[in-house]
Amino acid sequence: MKKVFLFILTVPFFLTSLAQQSNIYEIEKLEKPDKLLNTVSPDILFKKVECKILKLSVENDLVPNISHAVIGGFLEAYKEHRPVTISPDIMWLLICQGFGQHVNNNAEELRSKFVDFQGQKLLEVIREVSSESSLEEFPWESIFPEFTEKIGAYTGKELTETLSADFTTTTNASLIASQITIMESVKKYFKYKVTMIGCGIPSVTIEGTTEDWEKILTKLDFLAQYDLEWWTSALKPIIEEIIDTKSGKFNKEFWMDMIRYHREGLYGSKQDIDGWLVKFYPYGSDKKRRNLKKVKSLNDLPSEIVKVPFVFSVNSDANTTVASYNMEFWAGFFGLTQDSETYNLKPVIGWAINRLDEEDKVISIEVDINR
């Protein structure tokens, strides 16, 4: 008969958020295994499974047990007298997986406990990356907290905070695993989309002196008195960032946020345009005040060429009108110049005179190309 020796160890626990306390408890005295189990490297861990892994958090060689690493691994340990380790993260993730199975198996019965809508909402996370970036280089770790936050906006933060791993043993990998499990738990209520914006502006040339840009700040303060503080207050931080750049304090994230676009909806063709550049358009083409956040279409913005009507009168020596023409002054941005070597684009400021009769004929135009 096998003798079983049970030990009850009284060990004081001093747990902090900065360290984890591990304790070994002997359950029974058994003969040690003869050898270690075979391991495989992470790059061949999923070799026998039909999949294409783009990103894997695991870096060390592992004993392979793809589908049931916990119960299958512990069963192997039981058979061969191998000690095991558990942690709050391990047991909690098992619980979260069971919770997810329950929710998905009873999605409609439980719907009202999680969301107040029918069907599935699309949750999208957008990341702007270098145009040279590959899917393997995509910042995958950064998207899961955002998905969790978006889910919490519908279900309530208490659910997502409870399901998220937050133990002294929690690692970045176990936290992300818990966040993905949250997504899986409510997948009957949400669809998920990750958008990679591979476009970008490689460099920016800032002309003028620092004093020129500081002068814009002064001018904005003057404009604010005309009930425009709602707009000028949004522009001043942008100008200040440009001044900082001119002064040697380059903020890459600020410049990457100049302008960007992404498709809206899962299969939609509409494009949202956002970034700090859209804040320079206070009103839409419908003459209504904008929220300064994003633009659905360039057609929603007023033209960048302003037009001022005037009458051109031709008088005789006797100061009598012998001819009169309806015309317009035009001024604004007429296009862009392009550097043949760097491909740099620069908006061109110009003005023109337009004659409204005779099929709106432009009779004079002048642009300022200062390269």
Protein backbone atom coordinates (compact mmCIF):
# COMPACT_ATOMS: atom_id res chain seq x y z
CA MET A 1 0.00 0.00 0.00
CA LYS A 2 1.25 3.46 -0.87
CA LYS A 3 1.93 5.66 2.11
CA VAL A 4 0.71 9.21 1.91
CA PHE A 5 2.37 11.96 3.92
CA LEU A 6 0.44 15.18 4.23
CA PHE A 7 2.12 18.34 5.40
CA ILE A 8 0.38 21.45 6.56
CA LEU A 9 2.74 24.36 6.40
CA THR A 10 2.03 27.61 8.13
CA VAL A 11 3.75 30.28 6.09
CA PRO A 12 3.27 34.01 6.59
CA PHE A 13 2.29 35.85 3.41
CA PHE A 14 3.53 39.31 2.68
CA LEU A 15 2.01 40.19 -0.67
CA THR A 16 2.61 43.46 -2.40
CA SER A 17 1.81 44.75 -5.83
CA LEU A 18 5.52 44.70 -6.64
CA ALA A 19 6.36 41.09 -5.80
CA GLN A 20 4.75 37.67 -5.83
CA GLN A 21 4.98 35.13 -2.99
CA SER A 22 5.57 31.51 -3.99
CA ASN A 23 5.30 28.64 -1.52
CA ILE A 24 5.89 24.93 -2.03
CA TYR A 25 3.59 22.47 -0.26
CA GLU A 26 4.45 18.78 -0.23
CA ILE A 27 1.41 16.62 -0.88
CA GLU A 28 2.99 13.14 -0.78
CA LYS A 29 6.39 11.53 -1.07
CA LEU A 30 6.75 9.91 -4.46
CA GLU A 31 9.58 8.64 -6.60
CA LYS A 32 11.01 11.26 -8.94
CA PRO A 33 10.56 10.90 -12.72
CA ASP A 34 13.48 9.46 -14.67
CA LYS A 35 13.85 12.34 -17.10
CA LEU A 36 12.43 15.60 -18.35
CA LEU A 37 9.61 15.65 -20.85
CA ASN A 38 10.42 16.56 -24.42
CA THR A 39 10.07 20.23 -25.31
CA VAL A 40 9.73 22.16 -28.55
CA SER A 41 10.71 25.67 -29.52
CA PRO A 42 7.98 28.30 -29.95
CA ASP A 43 8.43 28.43 -33.73
CA ILE A 44 7.27 24.81 -34.13
CA LEU A 45 4.78 24.79 -31.26
CA PHE A 46 1.82 24.95 -33.66
CA LYS A 47 3.45 23.02 -36.50
CA LYS A 48 0.83 20.26 -36.47
CA VAL A 49 -2.06 22.71 -36.34
CA GLU A 50 -3.48 24.37 -39.45
CA CYS A 51 -2.73 27.98 -38.66
CA LYS A 52 -0.39 30.84 -39.49
CA ILE A 53 0.87 32.48 -36.33
CA LEU A 54 1.84 36.12 -36.85
CA LYS A 55 2.62 36.94 -33.24
CA LEU A 56 3.39 34.72 -30.27
CA SER A 57 4.06 35.91 -26.74
CA VAL A 58 5.85 32.70 -25.76
CA GLU A 59 9.64 32.83 -26.01
CA ASN A 60 10.83 29.73 -24.14
CA ASP A 61 10.77 26.07 -25.17
CA LEU A 62 7.63 24.32 -23.95
CA VAL A 63 6.28 20.86 -23.29
CA PRO A 64 3.69 20.71 -26.10
CA ASN A 65 0.05 20.27 -25.17
CA ILE A 66 -1.85 22.65 -27.40
CA SER A 67 -5.49 21.99 -26.56
CA HIS A 68 -5.33 21.09 -22.87
CA ALA A 69 -2.11 22.36 -21.35
CA VAL A 70 -3.63 22.59 -17.87
CA ILE A 71 -5.65 19.43 -17.37
CA GLY A 72 -3.61 17.43 -19.88
CA GLY A 73 -0.35 18.63 -18.42
CA PHE A 74 -1.46 18.00 -14.84
CA LEU A 75 -2.69 14.54 -15.81
CA GLU A 76 0.77 13.83 -17.20
CA ALA A 77 2.22 15.13 -13.95
CA TYR A 78 -0.07 12.83 -11.96
CA LYS A 79 0.92 9.79 -13.97
CA GLU A 80 4.66 10.44 -13.79
CA HIS A 81 4.98 11.97 -10.30
CA ARG A 82 5.85 15.45 -11.51
CA PRO A 83 5.25 18.49 -9.27
CA VAL A 84 3.09 21.29 -10.60
CA THR A 85 2.65 25.01 -10.14
CA ILE A 86 -0.56 27.00 -10.07
CA SER A 87 -1.10 30.73 -9.86
CA PRO A 88 -4.04 33.12 -9.52
CA ASP A 89 -3.66 33.93 -13.22
CA ILE A 90 -3.82 30.28 -14.25
CA MET A 91 -6.91 29.47 -12.22
CA TRP A 92 -8.64 32.76 -13.00
CA LEU A 93 -8.15 32.34 -16.74
CA LEU A 94 -9.78 28.90 -16.50
CA ILE A 95 -12.70 30.51 -14.67
CA CYS A 96 -12.97 33.26 -17.30
CA GLN A 97 -12.99 30.68 -20.08
CA GLY A 98 -15.82 28.85 -18.32
CA PHE A 99 -17.66 32.15 -17.90
CA GLY A 100 -17.27 32.83 -21.61
CA GLN A 101 -18.66 29.40 -22.49
CA HIS A 102 -21.69 30.09 -20.30
CA VAL A 103 -22.36 33.48 -21.89
CA ASN A 104 -21.94 32.21 -25.46
CA ASN A 105 -24.15 29.18 -24.80
CA ASN A 106 -26.89 31.41 -23.37
CA ALA A 107 -26.26 34.62 -25.29
CA GLU A 108 -29.86 35.70 -25.89
CA GLU A 109 -31.10 34.78 -22.43
CA LEU A 110 -28.28 36.84 -20.90
CA ARG A 111 -28.25 39.68 -23.44
CA SER A 112 -30.05 42.18 -21.21
CA LYS A 113 -27.47 41.63 -18.48
CA PHE A 114 -24.67 42.79 -20.77
CA VAL A 115 -25.97 45.12 -23.49
CA ASP A 116 -29.06 47.12 -24.38
CA PHE A 117 -29.08 46.48 -28.13
CA GLN A 118 -29.92 43.67 -30.53
CA GLY A 119 -27.51 42.03 -32.94
CA GLN A 120 -23.81 42.82 -32.89
CA LYS A 121 -22.03 46.15 -32.59
CA LEU A 122 -18.80 46.69 -34.49
CA LEU A 123 -15.86 47.62 -32.28
CA GLU A 124 -12.89 48.95 -34.21
CA VAL A 125 -9.37 49.73 -33.06
CA ILE A 126 -7.20 51.79 -35.37
CA ARG A 127 -3.43 51.94 -35.40
CA GLU A 128 -1.30 54.15 -37.60
CA VAL A 129 1.99 52.51 -38.46
CA SER A 130 4.84 52.99 -40.87
CA SER A 131 4.01 52.05 -44.45
CA GLU A 132 6.91 49.57 -44.31
CA SER A 133 5.51 47.75 -41.29
CA SER A 134 4.45 44.13 -41.69
CA LEU A 135 1.68 42.28 -39.89
CA GLU A 136 4.32 40.70 -37.68
CA GLU A 137 5.56 44.16 -36.64
CA PHE A 138 2.08 45.48 -35.92
CA PRO A 139 1.73 46.71 -32.28
CA TRP A 140 -0.65 43.92 -31.30
CA GLU A 141 -0.10 44.32 -27.56
CA SER A 142 -1.54 47.83 -27.63
CA ILE A 143 -4.97 46.99 -29.06
CA PHE A 144 -6.40 44.79 -26.31
CA PRO A 145 -6.78 47.44 -23.59
CA GLU A 146 -8.67 49.57 -26.11
CA PHE A 147 -11.02 46.73 -27.07
CA THR A 148 -11.61 46.09 -23.37
CA GLU A 149 -12.43 49.76 -22.83
CA LYS A 150 -14.84 49.77 -25.78
CA ILE A 151 -16.60 46.67 -24.46
CA GLY A 152 -16.84 48.25 -21.02
CA ALA A 153 -18.57 51.28 -22.52
CA TYR A 154 -21.52 48.97 -23.31
CA THR A 155 -21.39 46.34 -20.58
CA GLY A 156 -20.16 48.56 -17.77
CA LYS A 157 -16.60 48.78 -16.51
CA GLU A 158 -17.29 46.56 -13.51
CA LEU A 159 -17.53 43.51 -15.76
CA THR A 160 -14.32 44.16 -17.70
CA GLU A 161 -12.40 45.16 -14.58
CA THR A 162 -13.55 42.02 -12.76
CA LEU A 163 -12.62 39.71 -15.63
CA SER A 164 -9.22 41.34 -16.20
CA ALA A 165 -6.27 39.69 -14.47
CA ASP A 166 -4.89 42.00 -11.78
CA PHE A 167 -2.90 39.80 -9.43
CA THR A 168 0.63 40.06 -8.08
CA THR A 169 1.47 37.22 -10.47
CA THR A 170 -0.03 38.95 -13.51
CA THR A 171 2.33 39.44 -16.42
CA ASN A 172 1.74 41.36 -19.61
CA ALA A 173 0.97 38.06 -21.35
CA SER A 174 -1.56 36.90 -18.74
CA LEU A 175 -3.24 40.32 -18.72
CA ILE A 176 -3.63 40.27 -22.50
CA ALA A 177 -4.89 36.67 -22.34
CA SER A 178 -7.60 37.77 -19.91
CA GLN A 179 -8.54 40.69 -22.16
CA ILE A 180 -8.83 38.42 -25.20
CA THR A 181 -10.98 36.09 -23.10
CA ILE A 182 -13.26 39.04 -22.31
CA MET A 183 -13.62 39.63 -26.05
CA GLU A 184 -14.44 35.96 -26.58
CA SER A 185 -17.00 36.00 -23.78
CA VAL A 186 -19.12 38.70 -25.44
CA LYS A 187 -18.47 37.86 -29.10
CA LYS A 188 -22.19 37.18 -29.64
CA TYR A 189 -22.79 40.89 -28.97
CA PHE A 190 -19.80 42.40 -30.76
CA LYS A 191 -17.79 42.11 -33.94
CA TYR A 192 -14.16 43.12 -33.81
CA LYS A 193 -12.10 44.93 -36.38
CA VAL A 194 -8.48 46.08 -36.33
CA THR A 195 -7.55 48.72 -38.90
CA MET A 196 -3.94 49.36 -39.79
CA ILE A 197 -3.36 52.71 -41.45
CA GLY A 198 -0.27 52.09 -43.52
CA CYS A 199 -0.21 55.55 -45.01
CA GLY A 200 1.83 58.35 -43.55
CA ILE A 201 3.88 61.45 -44.12
CA PRO A 202 7.63 60.68 -44.00
CA SER A 203 8.82 64.19 -43.20
CA VAL A 204 7.63 67.75 -42.77
CA THR A 205 9.43 70.94 -43.74
CA ILE A 206 8.54 73.85 -41.46
CA GLU A 207 9.27 77.20 -43.04
CA GLY A 208 9.52 80.55 -41.28
CA THR A 209 11.14 81.56 -38.02
CA THR A 210 10.09 80.67 -34.50
CA GLU A 211 9.02 84.30 -34.13
CA ASP A 212 6.69 83.91 -37.14
CA TRP A 213 4.90 81.03 -35.47
CA GLU A 214 4.76 82.84 -32.14
CA LYS A 215 3.14 85.74 -33.97
CA ILE A 216 0.31 83.38 -34.96
CA LEU A 217 -0.35 82.75 -31.26
CA THR A 218 -0.70 86.50 -30.70
CA LYS A 219 -3.03 86.80 -33.66
CA LEU A 220 -5.16 83.93 -32.35
CA ASP A 221 -5.54 85.72 -29.02
CA PHE A 222 -6.85 88.74 -30.91
CA LEU A 223 -9.37 86.67 -32.90
CA ALA A 224 -10.71 85.04 -29.74
CA GLN A 225 -12.59 88.22 -28.77
CA TYR A 226 -15.02 87.68 -31.66
CA ASP A 227 -16.76 84.73 -30.00
CA LEU A 228 -14.12 82.43 -31.43
CA GLU A 229 -12.40 81.10 -28.32
CA TRP A 230 -14.02 77.71 -28.94
CA TRP A 231 -11.91 77.52 -32.10
CA THR A 232 -8.74 79.44 -31.23
CA SER A 233 -8.30 77.46 -28.01
CA ALA A 234 -8.15 74.29 -30.11
CA LEU A 235 -5.58 75.76 -32.50
CA LYS A 236 -3.16 77.22 -29.96
CA PRO A 237 -1.83 73.85 -28.69
CA ILE A 238 -1.13 72.90 -32.31
CA ILE A 239 0.83 76.07 -33.00
CA GLU A 240 2.68 75.60 -29.72
CA GLU A 241 3.70 72.09 -30.79
CA ILE A 242 5.00 73.50 -34.08
CA ILE A 243 7.00 76.09 -32.14
CA ASP A 244 8.40 73.32 -29.94
CA THR A 245 9.47 71.43 -33.05
CA LYS A 246 11.18 74.52 -34.44
CA SER A 247 12.91 74.84 -31.07
CA GLY A 248 14.29 71.31 -31.24
CA LYS A 249 11.59 69.44 -29.27
CA PHE A 250 10.33 67.04 -31.92
CA ASN A 251 7.16 65.15 -30.94
CA LYS A 252 6.80 62.26 -33.39
CA GLU A 253 3.32 61.29 -32.19
CA PHE A 254 2.06 64.83 -32.80
CA TRP A 255 3.25 64.82 -36.40
CA MET A 256 1.94 61.32 -37.05
CA ASP A 257 -1.44 62.68 -35.94
CA MET A 258 -1.44 65.50 -38.50
CA ILE A 259 -3.89 63.78 -40.85
CA ARG A 260 -5.18 60.25 -41.30
CA TYR A 261 -8.14 58.39 -42.65
CA HIS A 262 -9.82 55.05 -42.23
CA ARG A 263 -12.79 53.22 -43.60
CA GLU A 264 -15.94 53.25 -41.52
CA GLY A 265 -17.87 50.08 -40.82
CA LEU A 266 -17.06 46.45 -41.47
CA TYR A 267 -17.70 46.56 -45.19
CA GLY A 268 -18.32 50.27 -45.60
CA SER A 269 -16.82 52.56 -48.20
CA LYS A 270 -17.17 55.80 -46.26
CA GLN A 271 -13.95 57.28 -44.99
CA ASP A 272 -13.39 59.31 -41.85
CA ILE A 273 -10.67 61.94 -42.04
CA ASP A 274 -9.20 63.07 -38.75
CA GLY A 275 -6.02 64.38 -37.19
CA TRP A 276 -5.20 67.85 -35.89
CA LEU A 277 -5.25 69.41 -39.37
CA VAL A 278 -9.07 69.13 -39.47
CA LYS A 279 -9.26 71.53 -36.51
CA PHE A 280 -8.33 74.35 -38.89
CA TYR A 281 -11.81 74.09 -40.47
CA PRO A 282 -14.27 75.60 -37.95
CA TYR A 283 -17.32 75.41 -40.20
CA GLY A 284 -18.60 72.87 -42.69
CA SER A 285 -19.81 73.47 -46.21
CA ASP A 286 -23.32 73.62 -44.70
CA LYS A 287 -22.18 76.73 -42.75
CA LYS A 288 -22.70 74.95 -39.44
CA ARG A 289 -20.09 74.89 -36.67
CA ARG A 290 -18.03 71.69 -36.68
CA ASN A 291 -16.95 69.68 -33.65
CA LEU A 292 -13.33 69.89 -34.91
CA LYS A 293 -12.86 66.13 -34.54
CA LYS A 294 -13.31 64.39 -37.86
CA VAL A 295 -14.65 64.83 -41.38
CA LYS A 296 -16.75 62.30 -43.26
CA SER A 297 -15.89 63.71 -46.68
CA LEU A 298 -13.87 66.56 -48.14
CA ASN A 299 -17.14 67.74 -49.67
CA ASP A 300 -18.30 68.51 -46.13
CA LEU A 301 -15.68 71.27 -45.90
CA PRO A 302 -15.87 74.71 -47.51
CA SER A 303 -13.62 75.42 -50.47
CA GLU A 304 -10.09 76.60 -49.72
CA ILE A 305 -10.58 79.34 -52.31
CA VAL A 306 -12.59 82.35 -51.13
CA LYS A 307 -14.51 84.49 -53.60
CA VAL A 308 -15.43 88.17 -53.23
CA PRO A 309 -17.92 89.61 -55.75
CA PHE A 310 -17.41 93.12 -57.10
CA VAL A 311 -18.48 95.31 -59.98
CA PHE A 312 -15.89 96.47 -62.50
CA SER A 313 -17.03 99.76 -64.02
CA VAL A 314 -15.61 101.46 -67.12
CA ASN A 315 -16.21 105.20 -67.10
CA SER A 316 -15.73 107.83 -69.80
CA ASP A 317 -13.83 111.08 -69.35
CA ALA A 318 -17.15 112.63 -68.41
CA ASN A 319 -17.35 110.11 -65.58
CA THR A 320 -20.29 108.31 -67.06
CA THR A 321 -20.43 104.54 -67.01
CA VAL A 322 -19.92 103.06 -70.45
CA ALA A 323 -19.54 99.44 -69.37
CA SER A 324 -20.05 97.37 -66.25
CA TYR A 325 -18.97 93.83 -65.45
CA ASN A 326 -19.75 91.51 -62.56
CA MET A 327 -16.53 89.98 -61.31
CA GLU A 328 -14.98 88.16 -58.36
CA PHE A 329 -11.72 88.33 -56.48
CA TRP A 330 -10.43 84.84 -55.76
CA ALA A 331 -7.80 83.96 -53.17
CA GLY A 332 -6.64 80.82 -51.45
CA PHE A 333 -4.88 77.58 -52.24
CA PHE A 334 -4.68 76.78 -55.94
CA GLY A 335 -2.78 73.51 -55.87
CA LEU A 336 0.54 72.11 -54.77
CA THR A 337 4.10 72.30 -56.02
CA GLN A 338 6.09 69.09 -56.11
CA ASP A 339 9.82 68.69 -55.57
CA SER A 340 11.21 66.47 -58.34
CA GLU A 341 13.80 64.88 -56.05
CA THR A 342 12.15 64.57 -52.63
CA TYR A 343 8.50 64.47 -53.86
CA ASN A 344 7.70 67.03 -51.17
CA LEU A 345 4.31 68.69 -51.65
CA LYS A 346 3.68 72.32 -50.74
CA PRO A 347 0.30 74.10 -51.03
CA VAL A 348 0.49 77.17 -53.27
CA ILE A 349 -1.19 80.42 -52.27
CA GLY A 350 -2.55 82.56 -55.09
CA TRP A 351 -5.21 84.97 -56.21
CA ALA A 352 -7.25 85.50 -59.36
CA ILE A 353 -9.81 87.78 -60.99
CA ASN A 354 -12.90 86.06 -62.32
CA ARG A 355 -15.37 87.63 -64.74
CA LEU A 356 -18.81 86.25 -63.98
CA ASP A 357 -20.46 86.95 -67.31
CA GLU A 358 -19.20 85.31 -70.47
CA GLU A 359 -19.36 81.91 -68.80
CA ASP A 360 -17.41 82.83 -65.68
CA LYS A 361 -14.15 83.61 -67.40
CA VAL A 362 -10.99 83.98 -65.30
CA ILE A 363 -9.16 86.94 -66.81
CA SER A 364 -6.17 87.14 -64.44
CA ILE A 365 -4.45 84.78 -62.05
CA GLU A 366 -1.33 85.02 -59.90
CA VAL A 367 0.20 82.47 -57.60
CA ASP A 368 3.08 82.66 -55.18
CA ILE A 369 5.57 79.83 -55.72
CA ASN A 370 8.39 80.38 -53.28
CA ARG A 371 10.55 77.26 -53.13
